[in-house]
Amino acid sequence: MNPTIQYTLTAQHLIITSDIETQVKKVVSVLQKYIEQGDESARAHFVLRFEKQHMSDGMYIVEIDFHARHIDAAAKGEKDILIAALDDARDELAEVLRTHKEKKIHFIRRGARSVKNFLRGFPNRRNQ
């Protein structure tokens, strides 16, 4: 069974279209591979907003807050184009989640290696 990420989407100063919803679902599917099997508590909150800045056309800002069983992470993307800002936030969050997953796997392997080395110290009773 593949766990699913529950997500919420909030927009400030812009309208959520079906294209934006589709892009957010793509981001959720990318983040899917970084959560543990059986983790039904994974959720993400997307905040999409447009901020008009002085003497410029404005900036799209995407913030993603991600919560799962053993990690809480946040990412932010700022660009002139909404999809580019969403991609920046996705890449930043994916990097944090990937690093967390690699550290966890490394810790498990290191623990297994130490147990194996510990057991090598015992004499082999079958050959005696």
Protein backbone atom coordinates (compact mmCIF):
# COMPACT_ATOMS: atom_id res chain seq x y z
CA MET A 1 0.00 0.00 0.00
CA ASN A 2 1.45 3.34 -1.05
CA PRO A 3 0.89 6.10 1.50
CA THR A 4 -0.69 9.29 0.33
CA ILE A 5 0.15 12.81 1.34
CA GLN A 6 -2.81 14.87 2.40
CA TYR A 7 -2.45 18.46 1.29
CA THR A 8 -4.17 21.78 1.66
CA LEU A 9 -3.88 24.70 -0.69
CA THR A 10 -4.24 28.35 0.27
CA ALA A 11 -4.07 31.23 -2.19
CA GLN A 12 -3.59 34.87 -1.34
CA HIS A 13 -4.14 37.55 -3.98
CA LEU A 14 -4.63 35.01 -6.76
CA ILE A 15 -7.19 32.49 -7.95
CA ILE A 16 -6.54 28.74 -7.88
CA THR A 17 -7.14 27.33 -11.36
CA SER A 18 -7.17 23.71 -12.44
CA ASP A 19 -3.66 24.16 -13.91
CA ILE A 20 -2.33 25.31 -10.55
CA GLU A 21 -4.09 22.41 -8.83
CA THR A 22 -2.49 20.01 -11.33
CA GLN A 23 0.98 21.43 -10.65
CA VAL A 24 0.48 21.09 -6.90
CA LYS A 25 -0.56 17.44 -7.37
CA LYS A 26 2.65 16.87 -9.35
CA VAL A 27 4.67 18.32 -6.47
CA VAL A 28 2.84 16.04 -4.03
CA SER A 29 3.61 13.02 -6.20
CA VAL A 30 7.32 13.95 -6.22
CA LEU A 31 7.35 14.25 -2.42
CA GLN A 32 5.56 10.90 -2.14
CA LYS A 33 8.77 8.89 -2.56
CA TYR A 34 10.40 10.47 0.49
CA ILE A 35 7.88 9.31 3.10
CA GLU A 36 7.95 5.98 4.88
CA GLN A 37 5.75 3.04 3.99
CA GLY A 38 2.66 3.05 6.16
CA ASP A 39 2.97 6.70 7.18
CA GLU A 40 -0.58 7.94 6.91
CA SER A 41 0.15 11.11 8.89
CA ALA A 42 2.07 12.84 6.08
CA ARG A 43 0.60 16.18 5.12
CA ALA A 44 1.65 19.30 3.27
CA HIS A 45 0.28 22.81 3.36
CA PHE A 46 0.83 24.99 0.29
CA VAL A 47 0.54 28.76 0.49
CA LEU A 48 0.58 30.47 -2.90
CA ARG A 49 0.58 34.24 -2.98
CA PHE A 50 1.26 37.17 -5.22
CA GLU A 51 2.95 40.20 -3.72
CA LYS A 52 3.09 43.47 -5.56
CA GLN A 53 6.39 45.09 -4.81
CA HIS A 54 7.24 48.75 -5.12
CA MET A 55 8.38 49.72 -8.62
CA SER A 56 8.10 46.16 -9.98
CA ASP A 57 5.55 43.82 -11.52
CA GLY A 58 5.35 41.67 -8.41
CA MET A 59 6.54 38.32 -7.21
CA TYR A 60 4.94 34.92 -6.73
CA ILE A 61 5.80 33.30 -3.42
CA VAL A 62 5.18 29.63 -2.66
CA GLU A 63 5.61 28.24 0.83
CA ILE A 64 5.33 24.53 1.60
CA ASP A 65 5.09 23.21 5.15
CA PHE A 66 5.58 19.44 5.26
CA HIS A 67 4.90 17.20 8.26
CA ALA A 68 5.42 13.46 8.45
CA ARG A 69 6.08 10.93 11.18
CA HIS A 70 9.71 11.84 11.91
CA ILE A 71 10.26 15.11 10.09
CA ASP A 72 8.90 18.61 9.83
CA ALA A 73 10.26 20.70 7.00
CA ALA A 74 9.48 23.93 5.19
CA ALA A 75 10.49 25.37 1.85
CA LYS A 76 9.99 28.66 0.07
CA GLY A 77 10.23 29.67 -3.56
CA GLU A 78 10.10 33.20 -4.98
CA LYS A 79 9.97 33.88 -8.70
CA ASP A 80 8.27 36.05 -11.32
CA ILE A 81 6.36 33.00 -12.58
CA LEU A 82 4.15 30.92 -10.28
CA ILE A 83 5.18 27.53 -11.71
CA ALA A 84 8.88 28.41 -11.33
CA ALA A 85 8.32 29.43 -7.71
CA LEU A 86 6.49 26.15 -7.09
CA ASP A 87 9.36 24.21 -8.68
CA ASP A 88 11.93 26.05 -6.52
CA ALA A 89 10.03 25.25 -3.34
CA ARG A 90 9.61 21.62 -4.44
CA ASP A 91 13.33 21.24 -5.16
CA GLU A 92 14.29 22.77 -1.82
CA LEU A 93 11.88 20.55 0.11
CA ALA A 94 12.90 17.43 -1.83
CA GLU A 95 16.55 18.10 -0.97
CA VAL A 96 15.73 18.36 2.76
CA LEU A 97 13.63 15.18 2.67
CA ARG A 98 16.26 13.29 0.64
CA THR A 99 19.00 14.27 3.09
CA HIS A 100 16.86 13.17 6.03
CA LYS A 101 16.12 9.82 4.39
CA GLU A 102 19.79 9.21 3.57
CA LYS A 103 20.85 10.00 7.14
CA LYS A 104 18.27 7.57 8.47
CA ILE A 105 19.37 4.78 6.10
CA HIS A 106 23.03 5.44 6.94
CA PHE A 107 22.27 5.20 10.67
CA ILE A 108 20.48 1.86 10.19
CA ARG A 109 23.30 0.43 8.08
CA ARG A 110 25.91 1.65 10.54
CA GLY A 111 24.00 -0.03 13.38
CA ALA A 112 23.75 -3.30 11.45
CA ARG A 113 27.48 -3.15 10.67
CA SER A 114 28.34 -2.71 14.36
CA VAL A 115 26.15 -5.69 15.33
CA LYS A 116 27.83 -7.80 12.65
CA ASN A 117 31.30 -6.79 13.86
CA PHE A 118 30.27 -7.55 17.44
CA LEU A 119 29.09 -11.04 16.46
CA ARG A 120 32.36 -11.71 14.61
CA GLY A 121 34.15 -11.49 17.95
CA PHE A 122 32.40 -14.61 19.26
CA PRO A 123 34.09 -17.93 18.50
CA ASN A 124 32.42 -20.14 15.92
CA ARG A 125 30.99 -23.03 17.92
CA ARG A 126 30.26 -25.24 14.90
CA ASN A 127 33.94 -25.77 14.09
CA GLN A 128 34.98 -26.77 17.64
